Amino acid sequence: MQAIIHMRLLGALLFLSVAAAASKNFVTLVSSPVLAQYGQPTILPCWLDPPQRAEALEIRWYQDENYDAPIILYNSKKLSVEGDTDRVMFGEKDSNSKGLATGDVSLRFSNITIKDEGNYTCYVSSDQGYDRGSVSLRVTKTGSKPVLSVQWLGENQANVSCESDSWYPQPRLRWLDHKERTKELAPRSLLHSSTSAGSVSVHSWLLVSGFSRVSCSVGVSGESVKEAIIHLQGNLPVDEGLGSLSVGLLTFCVLLLLVLAIIAVVFLRKRVCRRIKHKTEESEQILSSTEMEKLLTNRETQPCYENITLEATDNLVVKDVEDGVIVRDKSGVQFPDGTEVTFCTAIKGKHGFSEGKHYWEVSLQRPNLDVKKSWWIGLTNAEEQNTFRRLFLQNVHKCRRTEHIL
């Protein structure tokens, strides 16, 4: 009997020894706490020591004490994820890691939210034993720059308010006096409020003199502090943060409008000048055709010059001017249009000739008047009043000779 009992005890001791040895086959190591910035990817480090392949193990990550509701579960080489499958997965604790192949069972969040904050357990088990490690995740969120506002109360006093939102965890707000030496000021009111998403807003105000320079700074531990400064000069508050930018922006806008106005004036002026230049060039082009230039500069034509005296008609008036005569329509006379125009629109010269070469000039331009774009010049028979030959200028590029008998 004693031998049997002894052997049973020996067997029990042997089993416990094997189990203990098996349970020490690996140790789960973690790095905690983990400080994460809101909206950024984050790794919760967890790995096996000594390093070994983890593909055949059960890996379970769960938050707080929710063992039966894991965030991620890997078992029998199959992965199951609760909730948003795009946000959580296995990750690598460092750049040298090979993931599960080297025993790295870290949890990766693609973008951290405030609700992700808490304690997480990394649980790894095999058919020989298990181990676990706990990781504390702390989330911070940097809020907006403080906005300062002033309400004048009279008696050289002002109520200065400071407001900032979208912080986590609850931020600290400080008032500082920068007038003579920097010292902390006690606010009259300090309020915090939370949104459904967990972010925190803060509002505070205090009373200061009408000639003060105060700042309001807001921040959470471990994160950069955001500050706004205001300089009171009687009833003229100057926000040295946003306010100075606004003044600069206003100045820039005024200068920009002034520059645009100048550009617009210059553009319109150039446009008008271009129109005037175009008309001038058109006039010069009409009056300076190649054929006419040759005619006027050809010395052979000078001896043939004739001074023609124009005769008034029932339809046209000849008016003497300083440098010659001009021809104008009589008031009230109606002339037919287009091809119906007859010799009634023409005027004859007194002096005629029957042979030889003859040269005379007709001006088509007067100062301050547009150049005529449609005109006739030609010859007529002294006896036959309704017959003449004319040269007709169709455009500024072509001049052709035609014959028209009325």
Protein backbone atom coordinates (compact mmCIF):
# COMPACT_ATOMS: atom_id res chain seq x y z
CA MET A 1 0.00 0.00 0.00
CA GLN A 2 2.77 2.42 0.91
CA ALA A 3 4.52 1.61 -2.34
CA ILE A 4 1.38 2.38 -4.33
CA ILE A 5 0.89 5.71 -2.52
CA HIS A 6 4.54 6.57 -3.06
CA MET A 7 4.30 5.89 -6.76
CA ARG A 8 1.12 8.01 -7.06
CA LEU A 9 2.84 10.91 -5.31
CA LEU A 10 5.85 10.51 -7.56
CA GLY A 11 3.59 10.55 -10.63
CA ALA A 12 1.85 13.70 -9.40
CA LEU A 13 5.13 15.47 -8.75
CA LEU A 14 6.36 14.49 -12.19
CA PHE A 15 3.18 15.89 -13.84
CA LEU A 16 3.47 19.21 -12.02
CA SER A 17 7.11 19.48 -13.01
CA VAL A 18 6.33 18.87 -16.68
CA ALA A 19 3.42 21.32 -16.59
CA ALA A 20 5.57 23.95 -14.96
CA ALA A 21 8.27 23.44 -17.52
CA ALA A 22 5.76 23.59 -20.33
CA SER A 23 4.18 26.81 -18.99
CA LYS A 24 7.59 28.48 -19.10
CA ASN A 25 8.02 27.70 -22.79
CA PHE A 26 7.44 31.44 -23.53
CA VAL A 27 6.83 34.69 -21.67
CA THR A 28 4.57 37.49 -22.95
CA LEU A 29 6.29 40.88 -22.82
CA VAL A 30 4.62 44.26 -23.33
CA SER A 31 5.54 47.94 -23.35
CA SER A 32 3.24 50.13 -21.26
CA PRO A 33 1.90 52.76 -21.03
CA VAL A 34 1.37 53.83 -24.65
CA LEU A 35 0.62 57.52 -25.30
CA ALA A 36 -1.29 58.03 -28.57
CA GLN A 37 -2.26 61.17 -30.45
CA TYR A 38 -5.90 61.37 -31.58
CA GLY A 39 -6.39 60.28 -35.19
CA GLN A 40 -2.91 58.78 -35.57
CA PRO A 41 -1.93 55.11 -36.10
CA THR A 42 -0.80 53.43 -32.87
CA ILE A 43 0.89 50.16 -31.91
CA LEU A 44 0.31 48.31 -28.61
CA PRO A 45 3.57 46.28 -28.35
CA CYS A 46 3.40 42.62 -27.27
CA TRP A 47 5.90 39.86 -28.10
CA LEU A 48 7.09 36.42 -27.00
CA ASP A 49 10.35 35.69 -25.23
CA PRO A 50 12.29 33.84 -26.37
CA PRO A 51 11.32 34.70 -29.96
CA GLN A 52 9.42 31.90 -31.68
CA ARG A 53 6.84 31.38 -34.38
CA ALA A 54 3.35 32.27 -33.22
CA GLU A 55 1.23 31.10 -36.16
CA ALA A 56 0.12 27.94 -34.31
CA LEU A 57 -0.77 29.76 -31.08
CA GLU A 58 -3.99 31.36 -29.87
CA ILE A 59 -3.66 35.15 -29.65
CA ARG A 60 -6.36 37.21 -28.02
CA TRP A 61 -6.53 40.98 -27.44
CA TYR A 62 -9.33 42.32 -25.26
CA GLN A 63 -10.06 45.55 -23.42
CA ASP A 64 -10.42 45.74 -19.62
CA GLU A 65 -11.89 42.41 -18.37
CA ASN A 66 -13.83 41.51 -21.52
CA TYR A 67 -12.08 38.19 -22.18
CA ASP A 68 -15.08 36.72 -23.99
CA ALA A 69 -15.47 39.79 -26.25
CA PRO A 70 -12.01 40.14 -27.78
CA ILE A 71 -11.10 42.97 -30.08
CA ILE A 72 -9.07 40.57 -32.17
CA LEU A 73 -8.82 36.77 -31.95
CA TYR A 74 -6.35 34.56 -33.80
CA ASN A 75 -6.88 30.81 -33.42
CA SER A 76 -6.13 27.81 -35.63
CA LYS A 77 -4.47 30.20 -38.07
CA LYS A 78 -7.76 32.09 -38.52
CA LEU A 79 -8.26 35.75 -37.65
CA SER A 80 -11.54 37.23 -36.44
CA VAL A 81 -12.06 40.87 -35.58
CA GLU A 82 -14.92 42.46 -33.67
CA GLY A 83 -16.34 45.81 -34.80
CA ASP A 84 -14.46 47.94 -37.32
CA THR A 85 -12.18 45.47 -39.10
CA ASP A 86 -10.36 48.26 -40.95
CA ARG A 87 -9.12 49.90 -37.75
CA VAL A 88 -7.45 46.97 -35.90
CA MET A 89 -5.03 44.29 -37.05
CA PHE A 90 -1.71 42.74 -36.12
CA GLY A 91 1.22 45.12 -36.37
CA GLU A 92 4.98 45.25 -35.87
CA LYS A 93 6.51 46.74 -32.74
CA ASP A 94 9.57 47.97 -34.66
CA SER A 95 11.10 48.01 -38.12
CA ASN A 96 13.09 44.82 -37.48
CA SER A 97 10.04 42.75 -36.63
CA LYS A 98 8.81 39.98 -38.91
CA GLY A 99 5.40 39.80 -37.24
CA LEU A 100 3.98 36.44 -36.12
CA ALA A 101 6.94 34.63 -37.65
CA THR A 102 9.19 36.04 -34.90
CA GLY A 103 6.66 36.04 -32.06
CA ASP A 104 5.52 39.67 -32.49
CA VAL A 105 1.79 39.72 -31.66
CA SER A 106 1.41 43.51 -31.32
CA LEU A 107 -1.98 45.18 -31.92
CA ARG A 108 -2.22 48.05 -34.40
CA PHE A 109 -4.89 50.79 -34.54
CA SER A 110 -5.04 52.61 -37.88
CA ASN A 111 -6.49 55.75 -36.26
CA ILE A 112 -6.97 56.24 -32.55
CA THR A 113 -10.18 57.68 -31.09
CA ILE A 114 -10.90 58.93 -27.60
CA LYS A 115 -13.08 55.88 -26.91
CA ASP A 116 -10.08 53.60 -27.55
CA GLU A 117 -8.44 54.77 -24.33
CA GLY A 118 -8.19 52.09 -21.64
CA ASN A 119 -6.35 48.95 -20.51
CA TYR A 120 -5.72 46.13 -22.98
CA THR A 121 -4.64 42.53 -22.37
CA CYS A 122 -2.40 40.58 -24.73
CA TYR A 123 -3.20 36.88 -24.13
CA VAL A 124 -1.19 34.10 -25.80
CA SER A 125 -1.77 30.36 -25.23
CA SER A 126 -0.71 26.98 -26.60
CA ASP A 127 -1.55 23.39 -25.75
CA GLN A 128 1.28 23.52 -23.23
CA GLY A 129 0.52 26.77 -21.37
CA TYR A 130 -0.33 30.48 -21.65
CA ASP A 131 0.80 33.94 -20.58
CA ARG A 132 -0.62 37.45 -20.70
CA GLY A 133 0.48 41.06 -20.46
CA SER A 134 -1.41 44.33 -19.85
CA VAL A 135 -0.95 47.53 -21.86
CA SER A 136 -2.34 50.90 -20.79
CA LEU A 137 -3.37 53.15 -23.69
CA ARG A 138 -3.67 56.90 -23.06
CA VAL A 139 -5.10 59.18 -25.76
CA THR A 140 -4.49 62.91 -26.13
CA LYS A 141 -6.09 65.38 -28.50
CA THR A 142 -4.79 68.86 -29.24
CA GLY A 143 -7.56 71.42 -29.44
CA SER A 144 -8.01 74.74 -31.18
CA LYS A 145 -6.09 77.94 -30.55
CA PRO A 146 -7.78 80.06 -27.86
CA VAL A 147 -10.12 82.79 -29.08
CA LEU A 148 -10.08 86.02 -27.05
CA SER A 149 -12.94 88.52 -26.92
CA VAL A 150 -13.32 91.82 -25.05
CA GLN A 151 -16.33 93.50 -23.50
CA TRP A 152 -15.77 97.01 -22.20
CA LEU A 153 -17.42 97.79 -18.87
CA GLY A 154 -16.48 101.41 -18.33
CA GLU A 155 -14.33 102.86 -15.56
CA ASN A 156 -11.30 101.68 -17.51
CA GLN A 157 -12.21 98.00 -17.08
CA ALA A 158 -12.69 95.19 -19.58
CA ASN A 159 -14.08 91.67 -19.45
CA VAL A 160 -11.73 89.41 -21.42
CA SER A 161 -13.02 85.95 -22.37
CA CYS A 162 -11.03 82.96 -23.58
CA GLU A 163 -12.51 79.93 -25.33
CA SER A 164 -10.98 76.80 -26.86
CA ASP A 165 -12.43 73.42 -27.85
CA SER A 166 -11.65 69.87 -29.08
CA TRP A 167 -9.21 68.88 -26.31
CA TYR A 168 -8.64 65.55 -24.54
CA PRO A 169 -8.22 64.93 -21.71
CA GLN A 170 -9.47 67.97 -19.82
CA PRO A 171 -7.01 70.78 -20.60
CA ARG A 172 -5.46 73.28 -18.25
CA LEU A 173 -6.16 76.98 -18.85
CA ARG A 174 -3.85 79.73 -17.56
CA TRP A 175 -4.15 83.51 -17.58
CA LEU A 176 -0.90 85.51 -17.54
CA ASP A 177 -0.29 89.25 -17.13
CA HIS A 178 2.52 90.53 -19.38
CA LYS A 179 2.18 94.27 -18.70
CA GLU A 180 5.13 94.74 -16.38
CA ARG A 181 6.23 91.29 -15.36
CA THR A 182 4.75 87.91 -16.12
CA LYS A 183 2.45 86.69 -13.39
CA GLU A 184 -0.48 84.29 -13.28
CA LEU A 185 -3.97 85.76 -12.95
CA ALA A 186 -6.96 84.16 -11.24
CA PRO A 187 -10.03 83.92 -13.52
CA ARG A 188 -13.51 84.87 -12.39
CA SER A 189 -14.93 81.81 -14.15
CA LEU A 190 -13.58 78.51 -15.52
CA LEU A 191 -15.92 76.01 -17.19
CA HIS A 192 -15.31 72.69 -18.97
CA SER A 193 -17.82 70.87 -21.15
CA SER A 194 -17.63 67.53 -23.00
CA THR A 195 -19.10 66.40 -26.30
CA SER A 196 -20.63 63.01 -27.08
CA ALA A 197 -17.36 62.05 -28.80
CA GLY A 198 -15.46 62.73 -25.60
CA SER A 199 -13.57 65.93 -26.52
CA VAL A 200 -13.54 68.77 -24.00
CA SER A 201 -14.09 72.52 -24.43
CA VAL A 202 -13.00 75.18 -21.95
CA HIS A 203 -14.25 78.72 -21.33
CA SER A 204 -12.96 81.33 -18.90
CA TRP A 205 -13.08 85.06 -18.28
CA LEU A 206 -11.59 87.71 -15.99
CA LEU A 207 -11.62 91.46 -15.41
CA VAL A 208 -8.58 93.56 -16.30
CA SER A 209 -7.74 97.23 -16.61
CA GLY A 210 -8.24 99.05 -19.89
CA PHE A 211 -4.49 99.17 -20.46
CA SER A 212 -3.38 95.56 -20.09
CA ARG A 213 -1.50 92.89 -21.96
CA VAL A 214 -2.78 89.44 -21.01
CA SER A 215 -2.48 85.97 -22.47
CA CYS A 216 -4.61 82.84 -22.30
CA SER A 217 -2.88 79.47 -22.77
CA VAL A 218 -4.56 76.07 -23.03
CA GLY A 219 -2.94 72.63 -23.15
CA VAL A 220 -2.79 69.08 -21.81
CA SER A 221 0.14 67.37 -20.14
CA GLY A 222 2.77 66.16 -22.56
CA GLU A 223 1.38 68.17 -25.49
CA SER A 224 2.20 71.57 -26.93
CA VAL A 225 0.38 74.51 -25.38
CA LYS A 226 -1.63 76.92 -27.53
CA GLU A 227 -1.67 80.58 -26.55
CA ALA A 228 -3.33 83.85 -27.54
CA ILE A 229 -2.28 87.33 -26.35
CA ILE A 230 -4.30 90.53 -26.35
CA HIS A 231 -3.05 94.08 -25.78
CA LEU A 232 -5.66 96.54 -24.51
CA GLN A 233 -5.11 100.23 -25.29
CA GLY A 234 -8.12 102.01 -23.93
CA ASN A 235 -10.95 100.97 -26.21
CA LEU A 236 -8.65 99.51 -28.86
CA PRO A 237 -8.00 95.81 -28.28
CA VAL A 238 -5.21 94.28 -30.38
CA ASP A 239 -5.08 90.50 -30.52
CA GLU A 240 -1.38 89.79 -30.90
CA GLY A 241 -2.12 86.33 -32.22
CA LEU A 242 -5.15 86.28 -34.49
CA GLY A 243 -5.79 90.04 -34.26
CA SER A 244 -2.45 91.11 -35.66
CA LEU A 245 -2.98 88.67 -38.49
CA SER A 246 -6.42 90.17 -39.14
CA VAL A 247 -4.98 93.69 -39.25
CA GLY A 248 -2.29 92.52 -41.62
CA LEU A 249 -4.85 90.72 -43.75
CA LEU A 250 -7.06 93.82 -43.87
CA THR A 251 -4.11 95.96 -44.92
CA PHE A 252 -3.21 93.45 -47.60
CA CYS A 253 -6.79 93.40 -48.91
CA VAL A 254 -6.91 97.21 -49.11
CA LEU A 255 -3.61 97.31 -50.98
CA LEU A 256 -4.77 94.51 -53.26
CA LEU A 257 -7.97 96.39 -54.13
CA LEU A 258 -5.94 99.53 -54.82
CA VAL A 259 -3.59 97.64 -57.12
CA LEU A 260 -6.52 96.00 -58.92
CA ALA A 261 -8.15 99.41 -59.40
CA ILE A 262 -4.94 100.81 -60.89
CA ILE A 263 -4.61 97.79 -63.18
CA ALA A 264 -8.23 98.22 -64.29
CA VAL A 265 -7.68 101.92 -65.10
CA VAL A 266 -4.49 101.15 -67.03
CA PHE A 267 -6.23 98.32 -68.89
CA LEU A 268 -9.18 100.51 -69.89
CA ARG A 269 -6.87 103.30 -70.93
CA LYS A 270 -4.82 100.94 -73.07
CA ARG A 271 -8.00 99.56 -74.57
CA VAL A 272 -9.18 103.04 -75.55
CA CYS A 273 -5.73 103.85 -76.91
CA ARG A 274 -5.75 100.66 -78.96
CA ARG A 275 -9.11 101.63 -80.47
CA ILE A 276 -7.84 105.10 -81.34
CA LYS A 277 -4.63 103.64 -82.73
CA HIS A 278 -6.62 101.12 -84.77
CA LYS A 279 -8.74 103.87 -86.30
CA THR A 280 -5.65 105.96 -86.98
CA GLU A 281 -3.85 103.03 -88.61
CA GLU A 282 -6.96 102.25 -90.65
CA SER A 283 -7.12 105.86 -91.81
CA GLU A 284 -3.44 105.93 -92.64
CA GLN A 285 -3.79 102.62 -94.43
CA ILE A 286 -6.61 103.99 -96.59
CA LEU A 287 -4.75 107.20 -97.38
CA SER A 288 -1.36 105.55 -97.80
CA SER A 289 -1.99 102.81 -100.31
CA THR A 290 1.03 101.82 -102.38
CA GLU A 291 -0.42 103.12 -105.62
CA MET A 292 -1.18 106.56 -104.16
CA GLU A 293 2.25 106.87 -102.55
CA LYS A 294 3.82 106.17 -105.93
CA LEU A 295 1.53 108.72 -107.55
CA LEU A 296 2.37 111.46 -105.05
CA THR A 297 6.08 110.85 -105.04
CA ASN A 298 6.55 110.32 -108.75
CA ARG A 299 8.26 113.40 -110.14
CA GLU A 300 6.78 112.78 -113.57
CA THR A 301 3.33 113.71 -112.30
CA GLN A 302 4.29 117.12 -110.94
CA PRO A 303 4.31 118.98 -114.29
CA CYS A 304 0.84 117.59 -114.98
CA TYR A 305 -0.72 119.06 -111.86
CA GLU A 306 -4.17 120.65 -112.33
CA ASN A 307 -5.92 122.95 -109.86
CA ILE A 308 -9.56 121.91 -110.13
CA THR A 309 -12.35 124.28 -109.09
CA LEU A 310 -15.48 122.46 -107.95
CA GLU A 311 -19.00 123.54 -108.90
CA ALA A 312 -21.87 123.29 -106.43
CA THR A 313 -24.99 121.36 -107.42
CA ASP A 314 -28.58 121.11 -106.26
CA ASN A 315 -27.60 118.23 -103.99
CA LEU A 316 -24.07 119.14 -102.84
CA VAL A 317 -22.47 122.22 -101.28
CA VAL A 318 -18.91 123.46 -101.83
CA LYS A 319 -17.53 125.20 -98.75
CA ASP A 320 -14.30 127.20 -98.68
CA VAL A 321 -11.89 126.42 -95.84
CA GLU A 322 -8.43 127.64 -94.90
CA ASP A 323 -6.53 125.01 -96.89
CA GLY A 324 -8.99 124.43 -99.76
CA VAL A 325 -12.63 123.46 -100.12
CA ILE A 326 -14.83 120.72 -98.76
CA VAL A 327 -17.93 119.08 -100.22
CA ARG A 328 -20.99 118.34 -98.07
CA ASP A 329 -24.52 117.11 -98.63
CA LYS A 330 -27.24 119.72 -98.60
CA SER A 331 -29.52 119.57 -95.60
CA GLY A 332 -32.77 117.67 -96.23
CA VAL A 333 -31.62 115.92 -99.42
CA GLN A 334 -32.32 112.17 -99.50
CA PHE A 335 -30.02 109.96 -101.57
CA PRO A 336 -30.82 106.40 -102.67
CA ASP A 337 -28.80 103.51 -101.14
CA GLY A 338 -26.59 100.82 -102.64
CA THR A 339 -26.60 100.36 -106.40
CA GLU A 340 -29.30 103.01 -106.76
CA VAL A 341 -26.80 105.80 -106.06
CA THR A 342 -26.60 107.99 -109.15
CA PHE A 343 -24.56 110.87 -110.45
CA CYS A 344 -26.48 113.15 -108.08
CA THR A 345 -23.86 112.29 -105.47
CA ALA A 346 -21.03 113.48 -107.71
CA ILE A 347 -19.65 116.98 -108.22
CA LYS A 348 -17.73 118.27 -111.28
CA GLY A 349 -14.75 120.55 -111.68
CA LYS A 350 -14.86 123.69 -113.84
CA HIS A 351 -11.71 123.08 -115.81
CA GLY A 352 -11.72 120.25 -118.32
CA PHE A 353 -9.23 118.88 -120.78
CA SER A 354 -9.40 116.79 -123.91
CA GLU A 355 -5.92 115.30 -124.16
CA GLY A 356 -2.59 114.88 -122.44
CA LYS A 357 -1.63 113.84 -118.92
CA HIS A 358 -3.25 115.54 -115.96
CA TYR A 359 -2.81 115.23 -112.21
CA TRP A 360 -4.98 116.49 -109.33
CA GLU A 361 -5.40 115.71 -105.63
CA VAL A 362 -8.42 114.93 -103.46
CA SER A 363 -8.11 114.79 -99.65
CA LEU A 364 -10.17 112.17 -97.83
CA GLN A 365 -9.36 113.26 -94.28
CA ARG A 366 -10.08 116.22 -92.06
CA PRO A 367 -8.78 116.82 -88.53
CA ASN A 368 -11.01 115.34 -85.79
CA LEU A 369 -13.12 113.50 -88.38
CA ASP A 370 -13.14 109.85 -89.40
CA VAL A 371 -11.87 109.00 -92.87
CA LYS A 372 -14.50 108.34 -95.52
CA LYS A 373 -14.74 104.63 -96.22
CA SER A 374 -16.85 104.90 -99.39
CA TRP A 375 -16.08 107.43 -102.15
CA TRP A 376 -15.82 107.88 -105.90
CA ILE A 377 -13.29 109.75 -107.97
CA GLY A 378 -13.21 109.71 -111.74
CA LEU A 379 -13.94 111.42 -115.08
CA THR A 380 -17.10 112.56 -116.88
CA ASN A 381 -17.90 113.75 -120.37
CA ALA A 382 -18.52 117.48 -120.63
CA GLU A 383 -21.56 117.05 -122.93
CA GLU A 384 -23.09 113.88 -121.48
CA GLN A 385 -24.03 114.59 -117.90
CA ASN A 386 -25.04 111.04 -117.03
CA THR A 387 -21.92 109.20 -118.12
CA PHE A 388 -18.65 108.92 -116.19
CA ARG A 389 -15.76 106.63 -115.38
CA ARG A 390 -14.85 106.10 -111.76
CA LEU A 391 -12.27 104.47 -109.48
CA PHE A 392 -13.96 102.74 -106.54
CA LEU A 393 -12.07 101.84 -103.30
CA GLN A 394 -13.57 98.54 -102.14
CA ASN A 395 -11.33 98.11 -99.08
CA VAL A 396 -8.01 99.24 -97.71
CA HIS A 397 -6.11 96.55 -99.62
CA LYS A 398 -7.61 96.62 -103.15
CA CYS A 399 -8.39 99.44 -105.56
CA ARG A 400 -9.89 98.43 -108.89
CA ARG A 401 -11.11 100.40 -111.87
CA THR A 402 -14.70 99.95 -112.99
CA GLU A 403 -16.93 101.59 -115.62
CA HIS A 404 -20.48 102.60 -114.88
CA ILE A 405 -22.84 104.25 -117.39
CA LEU A 406 -26.02 105.86 -116.10
